[in-house]
Amino acid sequence: ENWTVRHRAGPEVVLFSVHFANAQEGLAVGAFGHAMQTRDGGGHWHTLTLVQGEQADRHLYQVFVGPNATLWVTAEAGGLFRSDDGGNTFTAVKLPYKGSIWGGLALKDGALMVWGMRGHVLLSPDQGRSWHDVQSGTDQAFTAGLQRPDGELVLVGLGGVVARSRDGGQADRAYGRIRA
């Protein structure tokens, strides 16, 4: 019913995702590499540069948490960034796919999953050290996903696609198939 504006990042800033580790520490990311961090519950924000070089201006789509409180940020052009220090520094992670990665999540078994353009789903069984393409059964982009309490994975996306896997995306091929 009631909202209070806590910060205005500027009229040119477009934010896509926000994550708070606790009531005080937060990270927000968005278009053209914009990232900002708060340590006081959103009272004050400071701009953060995730990476330098050609990847610095990529759209940053989603922040998610992996095992051991590792922060992950998905991005365009196959971008994926990892922070092991609560978001103070990030390193780029190499993926076997160069299209936009719109989201990700940590699975209950400790694996990581990311998804994005053209139905691409990637799975890492080893906390991001290696990634394998998962056959999704669609070429529609995935925009969001979750793992239900019973372990079922559900991904949704463009064209109204809804895909699911009851085995963590692991059954039909070496690294799985999600059924659209």
N, C-alpha and C. Protein backbone atom coordinates (compact mmCIF):
# COMPACT_ATOMS: atom_id res chain seq x y z
N GLU A 1 0.80 -1.19 0.00
CA GLU A 1 0.00 0.00 0.00
C GLU A 1 0.85 1.26 0.00
N ASN A 2 1.94 1.24 0.71
CA ASN A 2 2.79 2.42 0.81
C ASN A 2 4.22 2.09 0.40
N TRP A 3 4.78 2.94 -0.43
CA TRP A 3 6.15 2.77 -0.89
C TRP A 3 6.92 4.04 -0.61
N THR A 4 8.20 3.91 -0.34
CA THR A 4 9.07 5.05 -0.12
C THR A 4 10.26 4.92 -1.06
N VAL A 5 10.51 5.96 -1.85
CA VAL A 5 11.68 5.96 -2.72
C VAL A 5 12.91 6.13 -1.84
N ARG A 6 13.86 5.19 -1.97
CA ARG A 6 15.09 5.22 -1.15
C ARG A 6 16.27 5.77 -1.92
N HIS A 7 16.21 5.67 -3.26
CA HIS A 7 17.35 6.10 -4.06
C HIS A 7 16.91 6.33 -5.50
N ARG A 8 17.52 7.28 -6.15
CA ARG A 8 17.30 7.51 -7.58
C ARG A 8 18.67 7.43 -8.27
N ALA A 9 18.84 6.40 -9.06
CA ALA A 9 20.13 6.17 -9.71
C ALA A 9 20.34 7.07 -10.93
N GLY A 10 19.29 7.70 -11.41
CA GLY A 10 19.40 8.60 -12.55
C GLY A 10 18.45 8.21 -13.66
N PRO A 11 18.02 9.16 -14.48
CA PRO A 11 17.03 8.89 -15.52
C PRO A 11 17.53 7.96 -16.63
N GLU A 12 18.83 7.83 -16.81
CA GLU A 12 19.39 6.96 -17.85
C GLU A 12 19.63 5.54 -17.36
N VAL A 13 19.48 5.28 -16.06
CA VAL A 13 19.79 3.97 -15.49
C VAL A 13 18.56 3.07 -15.54
N VAL A 14 18.75 1.86 -16.07
CA VAL A 14 17.70 0.84 -16.10
C VAL A 14 18.21 -0.33 -15.27
N LEU A 15 17.49 -0.67 -14.21
CA LEU A 15 17.88 -1.78 -13.34
C LEU A 15 17.02 -3.00 -13.64
N PHE A 16 17.64 -4.18 -13.64
CA PHE A 16 16.93 -5.42 -13.94
C PHE A 16 16.80 -6.35 -12.74
N SER A 17 17.72 -6.27 -11.78
CA SER A 17 17.71 -7.24 -10.69
C SER A 17 18.32 -6.63 -9.43
N VAL A 18 17.81 -7.07 -8.30
CA VAL A 18 18.37 -6.65 -7.01
C VAL A 18 18.44 -7.86 -6.10
N HIS A 19 19.47 -7.91 -5.29
CA HIS A 19 19.64 -9.00 -4.32
C HIS A 19 20.18 -8.42 -3.03
N PHE A 20 19.60 -8.82 -1.91
CA PHE A 20 20.11 -8.44 -0.60
C PHE A 20 20.56 -9.70 0.13
N ALA A 21 21.82 -9.70 0.58
CA ALA A 21 22.37 -10.82 1.35
C ALA A 21 21.78 -10.83 2.75
N ASN A 22 21.45 -9.64 3.24
CA ASN A 22 20.83 -9.46 4.55
C ASN A 22 20.14 -8.09 4.52
N ALA A 23 19.69 -7.61 5.65
CA ALA A 23 18.93 -6.35 5.68
C ALA A 23 19.77 -5.14 5.29
N GLN A 24 21.09 -5.25 5.32
CA GLN A 24 21.96 -4.11 5.04
C GLN A 24 22.67 -4.16 3.70
N GLU A 25 23.11 -5.33 3.27
CA GLU A 25 23.99 -5.46 2.11
C GLU A 25 23.23 -5.88 0.86
N GLY A 26 23.25 -5.00 -0.17
CA GLY A 26 22.53 -5.27 -1.39
C GLY A 26 23.32 -4.93 -2.63
N LEU A 27 22.92 -5.56 -3.74
CA LEU A 27 23.53 -5.34 -5.04
C LEU A 27 22.40 -5.23 -6.06
N ALA A 28 22.45 -4.21 -6.91
CA ALA A 28 21.49 -4.05 -7.99
C ALA A 28 22.27 -3.94 -9.30
N VAL A 29 21.74 -4.55 -10.37
CA VAL A 29 22.42 -4.54 -11.66
C VAL A 29 21.44 -4.18 -12.77
N GLY A 30 22.00 -3.71 -13.90
CA GLY A 30 21.13 -3.33 -14.99
C GLY A 30 21.83 -3.13 -16.32
N ALA A 31 21.22 -2.29 -17.15
CA ALA A 31 21.66 -2.08 -18.52
C ALA A 31 23.03 -1.42 -18.59
N PHE A 32 23.76 -1.75 -19.66
CA PHE A 32 25.05 -1.16 -19.97
C PHE A 32 26.06 -1.28 -18.82
N GLY A 33 26.02 -2.41 -18.14
CA GLY A 33 27.00 -2.70 -17.10
C GLY A 33 26.79 -1.96 -15.80
N HIS A 34 25.64 -1.32 -15.63
CA HIS A 34 25.43 -0.57 -14.39
C HIS A 34 25.23 -1.53 -13.21
N ALA A 35 26.02 -1.32 -12.19
CA ALA A 35 25.88 -2.07 -10.95
C ALA A 35 26.06 -1.10 -9.80
N MET A 36 25.32 -1.33 -8.73
CA MET A 36 25.46 -0.48 -7.55
C MET A 36 25.25 -1.32 -6.30
N GLN A 37 25.90 -0.88 -5.24
CA GLN A 37 25.95 -1.66 -4.00
C GLN A 37 25.59 -0.76 -2.82
N THR A 38 24.91 -1.36 -1.84
CA THR A 38 24.61 -0.65 -0.60
C THR A 38 25.09 -1.50 0.57
N ARG A 39 25.49 -0.82 1.63
CA ARG A 39 25.89 -1.48 2.87
C ARG A 39 25.05 -0.99 4.05
N ASP A 40 24.05 -0.14 3.73
CA ASP A 40 23.22 0.41 4.81
C ASP A 40 21.72 0.25 4.53
N GLY A 41 21.35 -0.87 3.95
CA GLY A 41 19.95 -1.15 3.72
C GLY A 41 19.30 -0.34 2.63
N GLY A 42 20.08 0.26 1.76
CA GLY A 42 19.54 1.03 0.65
C GLY A 42 19.51 2.52 0.89
N GLY A 43 19.99 2.96 2.03
CA GLY A 43 20.04 4.40 2.30
C GLY A 43 20.98 5.11 1.36
N HIS A 44 22.11 4.49 1.10
CA HIS A 44 23.13 5.04 0.20
C HIS A 44 23.61 3.92 -0.73
N TRP A 45 23.82 4.26 -1.97
CA TRP A 45 24.31 3.31 -2.97
C TRP A 45 25.55 3.88 -3.62
N HIS A 46 26.52 3.04 -3.93
CA HIS A 46 27.67 3.48 -4.71
C HIS A 46 27.81 2.60 -5.95
N THR A 47 28.28 3.22 -7.03
CA THR A 47 28.45 2.51 -8.29
C THR A 47 29.61 1.53 -8.18
N LEU A 48 29.42 0.39 -8.79
CA LEU A 48 30.39 -0.70 -8.74
C LEU A 48 30.68 -1.14 -10.17
N THR A 49 31.94 -1.33 -10.51
CA THR A 49 32.32 -1.87 -11.82
C THR A 49 32.57 -3.35 -11.65
N LEU A 50 31.75 -4.18 -12.30
CA LEU A 50 31.91 -5.63 -12.16
C LEU A 50 33.17 -6.12 -12.85
N VAL A 51 33.37 -5.74 -14.10
CA VAL A 51 34.56 -6.16 -14.85
C VAL A 51 35.03 -5.02 -15.73
N GLN A 52 36.27 -5.10 -16.17
CA GLN A 52 36.88 -4.10 -17.06
C GLN A 52 36.86 -4.62 -18.50
N GLY A 53 37.21 -3.77 -19.42
CA GLY A 53 37.39 -4.18 -20.81
C GLY A 53 36.09 -4.27 -21.59
N GLU A 54 36.10 -5.15 -22.61
CA GLU A 54 34.98 -5.24 -23.54
C GLU A 54 33.70 -5.73 -22.88
N GLN A 55 33.79 -6.42 -21.74
CA GLN A 55 32.59 -6.92 -21.06
C GLN A 55 31.95 -5.88 -20.13
N ALA A 56 32.61 -4.76 -19.92
CA ALA A 56 32.16 -3.77 -18.94
C ALA A 56 30.80 -3.15 -19.27
N ASP A 57 30.45 -3.04 -20.55
CA ASP A 57 29.20 -2.37 -20.93
C ASP A 57 28.05 -3.33 -21.22
N ARG A 58 28.22 -4.59 -20.94
CA ARG A 58 27.16 -5.56 -21.21
C ARG A 58 26.00 -5.39 -20.24
N HIS A 59 24.79 -5.63 -20.74
CA HIS A 59 23.63 -5.60 -19.86
C HIS A 59 23.78 -6.70 -18.81
N LEU A 60 23.49 -6.37 -17.59
CA LEU A 60 23.54 -7.31 -16.46
C LEU A 60 22.11 -7.63 -16.08
N TYR A 61 21.72 -8.91 -16.20
CA TYR A 61 20.30 -9.25 -16.10
C TYR A 61 19.83 -9.75 -14.74
N GLN A 62 20.57 -10.64 -14.10
CA GLN A 62 20.06 -11.19 -12.84
C GLN A 62 21.20 -11.49 -11.88
N VAL A 63 20.95 -11.22 -10.61
CA VAL A 63 21.85 -11.62 -9.52
C VAL A 63 21.22 -12.84 -8.87
N PHE A 64 22.02 -13.89 -8.66
CA PHE A 64 21.54 -15.02 -7.89
C PHE A 64 22.66 -15.56 -7.02
N VAL A 65 22.31 -16.32 -6.02
CA VAL A 65 23.27 -16.84 -5.05
C VAL A 65 23.48 -18.33 -5.28
N GLY A 66 24.74 -18.73 -5.29
CA GLY A 66 25.10 -20.13 -5.43
C GLY A 66 25.58 -20.69 -4.10
N PRO A 67 26.09 -21.91 -4.13
CA PRO A 67 26.63 -22.53 -2.91
C PRO A 67 27.72 -21.65 -2.28
N ASN A 68 27.83 -21.73 -0.98
CA ASN A 68 28.84 -20.98 -0.22
C ASN A 68 28.68 -19.47 -0.37
N ALA A 69 27.46 -19.00 -0.57
CA ALA A 69 27.14 -17.58 -0.68
C ALA A 69 27.84 -16.88 -1.84
N THR A 70 28.24 -17.65 -2.85
CA THR A 70 28.83 -17.06 -4.05
C THR A 70 27.76 -16.29 -4.81
N LEU A 71 28.07 -15.06 -5.21
CA LEU A 71 27.14 -14.26 -6.00
C LEU A 71 27.45 -14.45 -7.48
N TRP A 72 26.40 -14.57 -8.27
CA TRP A 72 26.50 -14.73 -9.71
C TRP A 72 25.68 -13.64 -10.37
N VAL A 73 26.16 -13.10 -11.48
CA VAL A 73 25.42 -12.11 -12.26
C VAL A 73 25.41 -12.59 -13.71
N THR A 74 24.22 -12.77 -14.28
CA THR A 74 24.08 -13.17 -15.68
C THR A 74 24.08 -11.91 -16.55
N ALA A 75 24.51 -12.08 -17.82
CA ALA A 75 24.65 -10.91 -18.68
C ALA A 75 24.46 -11.28 -20.14
N GLU A 76 24.45 -10.26 -20.97
CA GLU A 76 24.32 -10.48 -22.41
C GLU A 76 25.63 -11.02 -22.98
N ALA A 77 25.55 -11.51 -24.22
CA ALA A 77 26.70 -12.00 -24.97
C ALA A 77 27.47 -13.09 -24.24
N GLY A 78 26.73 -14.00 -23.59
CA GLY A 78 27.37 -15.12 -22.89
C GLY A 78 28.06 -14.72 -21.62
N GLY A 79 27.69 -13.59 -21.08
CA GLY A 79 28.35 -13.10 -19.87
C GLY A 79 27.82 -13.75 -18.60
N LEU A 80 28.75 -14.13 -17.76
CA LEU A 80 28.44 -14.64 -16.42
C LEU A 80 29.58 -14.22 -15.52
N PHE A 81 29.24 -13.61 -14.39
CA PHE A 81 30.25 -13.09 -13.48
C PHE A 81 30.05 -13.67 -12.09
N ARG A 82 31.18 -13.93 -11.41
CA ARG A 82 31.17 -14.61 -10.11
C ARG A 82 31.89 -13.76 -9.07
N SER A 83 31.32 -13.70 -7.85
CA SER A 83 31.97 -13.04 -6.73
C SER A 83 31.99 -13.99 -5.54
N ASP A 84 33.18 -14.20 -5.01
CA ASP A 84 33.34 -15.03 -3.82
C ASP A 84 33.51 -14.20 -2.56
N ASP A 85 33.41 -12.86 -2.69
CA ASP A 85 33.64 -11.98 -1.54
C ASP A 85 32.47 -11.04 -1.27
N GLY A 86 31.25 -11.53 -1.48
CA GLY A 86 30.06 -10.73 -1.16
C GLY A 86 29.76 -9.61 -2.13
N GLY A 87 30.33 -9.65 -3.32
CA GLY A 87 30.04 -8.64 -4.32
C GLY A 87 31.05 -7.52 -4.40
N ASN A 88 32.15 -7.62 -3.69
CA ASN A 88 33.18 -6.58 -3.77
C ASN A 88 33.97 -6.67 -5.06
N THR A 89 34.28 -7.88 -5.50
CA THR A 89 34.99 -8.09 -6.77
C THR A 89 34.31 -9.23 -7.53
N PHE A 90 34.40 -9.16 -8.84
CA PHE A 90 33.81 -10.18 -9.72
C PHE A 90 34.84 -10.64 -10.74
N THR A 91 34.70 -11.88 -11.16
CA THR A 91 35.50 -12.40 -12.26
C THR A 91 34.56 -12.96 -13.32
N ALA A 92 34.98 -12.84 -14.58
CA ALA A 92 34.19 -13.37 -15.69
C ALA A 92 34.37 -14.88 -15.74
N VAL A 93 33.27 -15.59 -16.02
CA VAL A 93 33.27 -17.04 -16.15
C VAL A 93 33.02 -17.37 -17.61
N LYS A 94 33.84 -18.23 -18.18
CA LYS A 94 33.68 -18.59 -19.59
C LYS A 94 32.58 -19.63 -19.75
N LEU A 95 31.64 -19.33 -20.63
CA LEU A 95 30.55 -20.25 -20.95
C LEU A 95 30.71 -20.77 -22.37
N PRO A 96 30.17 -21.96 -22.67
CA PRO A 96 30.25 -22.49 -24.03
C PRO A 96 29.15 -21.94 -24.95
N TYR A 97 28.53 -20.85 -24.57
CA TYR A 97 27.47 -20.23 -25.36
C TYR A 97 27.66 -18.72 -25.30
N LYS A 98 27.52 -18.03 -26.42
CA LYS A 98 27.78 -16.60 -26.49
C LYS A 98 26.53 -15.73 -26.58
N GLY A 99 25.34 -16.33 -26.48
CA GLY A 99 24.11 -15.54 -26.48
C GLY A 99 23.81 -15.03 -25.08
N SER A 100 22.84 -14.16 -24.97
CA SER A 100 22.49 -13.57 -23.68
C SER A 100 22.01 -14.62 -22.69
N ILE A 101 22.46 -14.48 -21.46
CA ILE A 101 22.07 -15.34 -20.35
C ILE A 101 21.20 -14.49 -19.43
N TRP A 102 19.90 -14.80 -19.39
CA TRP A 102 18.95 -13.93 -18.71
C TRP A 102 18.72 -14.28 -17.25
N GLY A 103 19.07 -15.48 -16.83
CA GLY A 103 18.83 -15.82 -15.43
C GLY A 103 19.56 -17.06 -15.02
N GLY A 104 19.49 -17.35 -13.73
CA GLY A 104 20.13 -18.54 -13.20
C GLY A 104 19.67 -18.84 -11.80
N LEU A 105 20.02 -20.04 -11.34
CA LEU A 105 19.71 -20.41 -9.96
C LEU A 105 20.62 -21.54 -9.51
N ALA A 106 20.75 -21.64 -8.20
CA ALA A 106 21.47 -22.76 -7.58
C ALA A 106 20.45 -23.86 -7.31
N LEU A 107 20.76 -25.07 -7.73
CA LEU A 107 19.86 -26.19 -7.52
C LEU A 107 20.10 -26.82 -6.16
N LYS A 108 19.13 -27.55 -5.68
CA LYS A 108 19.20 -28.17 -4.35
C LYS A 108 20.38 -29.11 -4.19
N ASP A 109 20.84 -29.72 -5.30
CA ASP A 109 21.96 -30.65 -5.23
C ASP A 109 23.32 -29.96 -5.32
N GLY A 110 23.32 -28.61 -5.34
CA GLY A 110 24.56 -27.86 -5.41
C GLY A 110 24.97 -27.45 -6.81
N ALA A 111 24.31 -27.99 -7.84
CA ALA A 111 24.60 -27.61 -9.22
C ALA A 111 24.09 -26.19 -9.48
N LEU A 112 24.58 -25.58 -10.56
CA LEU A 112 24.11 -24.27 -10.99
C LEU A 112 23.49 -24.41 -12.37
N MET A 113 22.44 -23.62 -12.62
CA MET A 113 21.80 -23.62 -13.92
C MET A 113 21.61 -22.18 -14.36
N VAL A 114 21.92 -21.90 -15.64
CA VAL A 114 21.65 -20.59 -16.22
C VAL A 114 20.88 -20.81 -17.52
N TRP A 115 20.15 -19.78 -17.97
CA TRP A 115 19.32 -19.90 -19.17
C TRP A 115 19.24 -18.57 -19.87
N GLY A 116 18.81 -18.63 -21.15
CA GLY A 116 18.67 -17.39 -21.89
C GLY A 116 18.12 -17.56 -23.28
N MET A 117 18.78 -16.90 -24.23
CA MET A 117 18.32 -16.81 -25.60
C MET A 117 18.23 -18.18 -26.27
N ARG A 118 17.29 -18.27 -27.21
CA ARG A 118 17.13 -19.43 -28.10
C ARG A 118 16.98 -20.75 -27.35
N GLY A 119 16.40 -20.71 -26.16
CA GLY A 119 16.16 -21.93 -25.40
C GLY A 119 17.40 -22.54 -24.78
N HIS A 120 18.48 -21.78 -24.72
CA HIS A 120 19.72 -22.32 -24.15
C HIS A 120 19.64 -22.43 -22.64
N VAL A 121 20.02 -23.61 -22.16
CA VAL A 121 20.11 -23.88 -20.73
C VAL A 121 21.49 -24.52 -20.52
N LEU A 122 22.21 -24.02 -19.53
CA LEU A 122 23.54 -24.55 -19.22
C LEU A 122 23.55 -25.01 -17.77
N LEU A 123 24.22 -26.12 -17.53
CA LEU A 123 24.27 -26.72 -16.20
C LEU A 123 25.72 -26.89 -15.78
N SER A 124 26.01 -26.54 -14.53
CA SER A 124 27.34 -26.75 -13.96
C SER A 124 27.21 -27.61 -12.72
N PRO A 125 27.76 -28.83 -12.74
CA PRO A 125 27.70 -29.69 -11.57
C PRO A 125 28.78 -29.38 -10.53
N ASP A 126 29.73 -28.48 -10.89
CA ASP A 126 30.91 -28.26 -10.05
C ASP A 126 31.11 -26.78 -9.67
N GLN A 127 30.04 -26.12 -9.31
CA GLN A 127 30.04 -24.74 -8.82
C GLN A 127 30.65 -23.74 -9.81
N GLY A 128 30.41 -23.99 -11.11
CA GLY A 128 30.80 -23.03 -12.12
C GLY A 128 32.15 -23.26 -12.78
N ARG A 129 32.84 -24.34 -12.43
CA ARG A 129 34.13 -24.61 -13.07
C ARG A 129 33.94 -25.13 -14.50
N SER A 130 32.88 -25.90 -14.75
CA SER A 130 32.58 -26.38 -16.09
C SER A 130 31.09 -26.24 -16.33
N TRP A 131 30.73 -26.08 -17.61
CA TRP A 131 29.34 -25.88 -18.00
C TRP A 131 29.01 -26.78 -19.18
N HIS A 132 27.79 -27.33 -19.17
CA HIS A 132 27.33 -28.23 -20.23
C HIS A 132 25.98 -27.75 -20.74
N ASP A 133 25.83 -27.79 -22.06
CA ASP A 133 24.56 -27.43 -22.69
C ASP A 133 23.51 -28.49 -22.36
N VAL A 134 22.32 -28.05 -21.97
CA VAL A 134 21.19 -28.93 -21.69
C VAL A 134 20.17 -28.73 -22.80
N GLN A 135 19.70 -29.78 -23.40
CA GLN A 135 18.69 -29.68 -24.45
C GLN A 135 17.35 -29.30 -23.83
N SER A 136 16.79 -28.18 -24.27
CA SER A 136 15.56 -27.69 -23.66
C SER A 136 14.31 -28.06 -24.45
N GLY A 137 14.45 -28.45 -25.69
CA GLY A 137 13.28 -28.79 -26.49
C GLY A 137 12.59 -27.59 -27.09
N THR A 138 13.19 -26.40 -27.00
CA THR A 138 12.59 -25.21 -27.58
C THR A 138 13.68 -24.26 -28.04
N ASP A 139 13.32 -23.36 -28.96
CA ASP A 139 14.25 -22.30 -29.34
C ASP A 139 13.77 -20.94 -28.83
N GLN A 140 12.75 -20.97 -27.97
CA GLN A 140 12.26 -19.75 -27.35
C GLN A 140 13.16 -19.37 -26.16
N ALA A 141 13.43 -18.09 -26.01
CA ALA A 141 14.27 -17.61 -24.92
C ALA A 141 13.60 -17.84 -23.57
N PHE A 142 14.38 -18.30 -22.61
CA PHE A 142 13.87 -18.43 -21.24
C PHE A 142 14.18 -17.15 -20.47
N THR A 143 13.21 -16.70 -19.69
CA THR A 143 13.36 -15.44 -18.95
C THR A 143 13.36 -15.61 -17.44
N ALA A 144 12.84 -16.72 -16.93
CA ALA A 144 12.78 -16.92 -15.48
C ALA A 144 12.66 -18.40 -15.18
N GLY A 145 13.03 -18.78 -13.99
CA GLY A 145 12.95 -20.17 -13.59
C GLY A 145 12.99 -20.33 -12.09
N LEU A 146 12.61 -21.53 -11.66
CA LEU A 146 12.64 -21.85 -10.23
C LEU A 146 12.72 -23.36 -10.05
N GLN A 147 13.10 -23.75 -8.84
CA GLN A 147 13.05 -25.16 -8.47
C GLN A 147 12.01 -25.30 -7.38
N ARG A 148 11.02 -26.15 -7.63
CA ARG A 148 9.93 -26.35 -6.68
C ARG A 148 10.41 -27.17 -5.49
N PRO A 149 9.67 -27.16 -4.39
CA PRO A 149 10.07 -27.93 -3.21
C PRO A 149 10.30 -29.42 -3.48
N ASP A 150 9.56 -29.98 -4.46
CA ASP A 150 9.74 -31.40 -4.77
C ASP A 150 10.93 -31.66 -5.71
N GLY A 151 11.67 -30.59 -6.08
CA GLY A 151 12.84 -30.72 -6.93
C GLY A 151 12.60 -30.43 -8.40
N GLU A 152 11.34 -30.37 -8.82
CA GLU A 152 11.04 -30.10 -10.23
C GLU A 152 11.53 -28.71 -10.61
N LEU A 153 12.16 -28.62 -11.79
CA LEU A 153 12.60 -27.34 -12.34
C LEU A 153 11.56 -26.85 -13.32
N VAL A 154 11.26 -25.56 -13.28
CA VAL A 154 10.31 -24.95 -14.21
C VAL A 154 10.97 -23.70 -14.77
N LEU A 155 11.01 -23.62 -16.11
CA LEU A 155 11.51 -22.44 -16.81
C LEU A 155 10.38 -21.88 -17.67
N VAL A 156 10.31 -20.55 -17.77
CA VAL A 156 9.30 -19.89 -18.60
C VAL A 156 9.98 -18.89 -19.49
N GLY A 157 9.29 -18.52 -20.59
CA GLY A 157 9.93 -17.57 -21.48
C GLY A 157 9.05 -17.02 -22.57
N LEU A 158 9.71 -16.54 -23.61
CA LEU A 158 9.03 -15.90 -24.72
C LEU A 158 8.14 -16.90 -25.44
N GLY A 159 7.13 -16.38 -26.07
CA GLY A 159 6.19 -17.22 -26.79
C GLY A 159 5.36 -18.07 -25.85
N GLY A 160 5.34 -17.74 -24.56
CA GLY A 160 4.56 -18.48 -23.58
C GLY A 160 5.12 -19.86 -23.24
N VAL A 161 6.38 -20.12 -23.58
CA VAL A 161 6.95 -21.43 -23.32
C VAL A 161 7.07 -21.69 -21.82
N VAL A 162 6.69 -22.90 -21.44
CA VAL A 162 6.88 -23.40 -20.08
C VAL A 162 7.57 -24.75 -20.23
N ALA A 163 8.73 -24.90 -19.60
CA ALA A 163 9.47 -26.16 -19.68
C ALA A 163 9.71 -26.66 -18.26
N ARG A 164 9.82 -28.00 -18.16
CA ARG A 164 10.03 -28.56 -16.82
C ARG A 164 10.96 -29.76 -16.89
N SER A 165 11.59 -30.02 -15.76
CA SER A 165 12.42 -31.20 -15.61
C SER A 165 12.21 -31.71 -14.19
N ARG A 166 11.97 -32.99 -14.08
CA ARG A 166 11.77 -33.60 -12.75
C ARG A 166 13.03 -34.27 -12.23
N ASP A 167 14.11 -34.19 -13.02
CA ASP A 167 15.34 -34.86 -12.61
C ASP A 167 16.55 -33.92 -12.64
N GLY A 168 16.32 -32.63 -12.41
CA GLY A 168 17.42 -31.67 -12.41
C GLY A 168 18.04 -31.45 -13.77
N GLY A 169 17.29 -31.78 -14.82
CA GLY A 169 17.77 -31.62 -16.18
C GLY A 169 18.78 -32.67 -16.58
N GLN A 170 18.75 -33.84 -15.97
CA GLN A 170 19.82 -34.82 -16.15
C GLN A 170 19.47 -36.07 -16.95
N ALA A 171 18.25 -36.37 -17.30
CA ALA A 171 17.88 -37.71 -17.75
C ALA A 171 18.24 -38.11 -19.17
N ASP A 172 17.82 -37.38 -20.17
CA ASP A 172 17.81 -37.92 -21.52
C ASP A 172 19.15 -37.95 -22.25
N ARG A 173 20.06 -37.11 -21.88
CA ARG A 173 21.38 -37.09 -22.51
C ARG A 173 22.42 -37.02 -21.41
N ALA A 174 23.65 -36.93 -21.79
CA ALA A 174 24.73 -36.91 -20.80
C ALA A 174 24.52 -35.83 -19.75
N TYR A 175 24.04 -34.66 -20.17
CA TYR A 175 23.82 -33.61 -19.20
C TYR A 175 22.38 -33.13 -19.18
N GLY A 176 21.47 -33.92 -19.72
CA GLY A 176 20.07 -33.66 -19.48
C GLY A 176 19.25 -33.11 -20.62
N ARG A 177 17.97 -33.09 -20.38
CA ARG A 177 17.00 -32.53 -21.30
C ARG A 177 15.85 -32.00 -20.46
N ILE A 178 15.51 -30.77 -20.70
CA ILE A 178 14.33 -30.17 -20.09
C ILE A 178 13.24 -30.25 -21.12
N ARG A 179 12.07 -30.68 -20.75
CA ARG A 179 10.98 -30.86 -21.70
C ARG A 179 10.09 -29.63 -21.74
N ALA A 180 9.92 -29.11 -22.97
CA ALA A 180 9.05 -27.95 -23.16
C ALA A 180 7.62 -28.45 -23.28
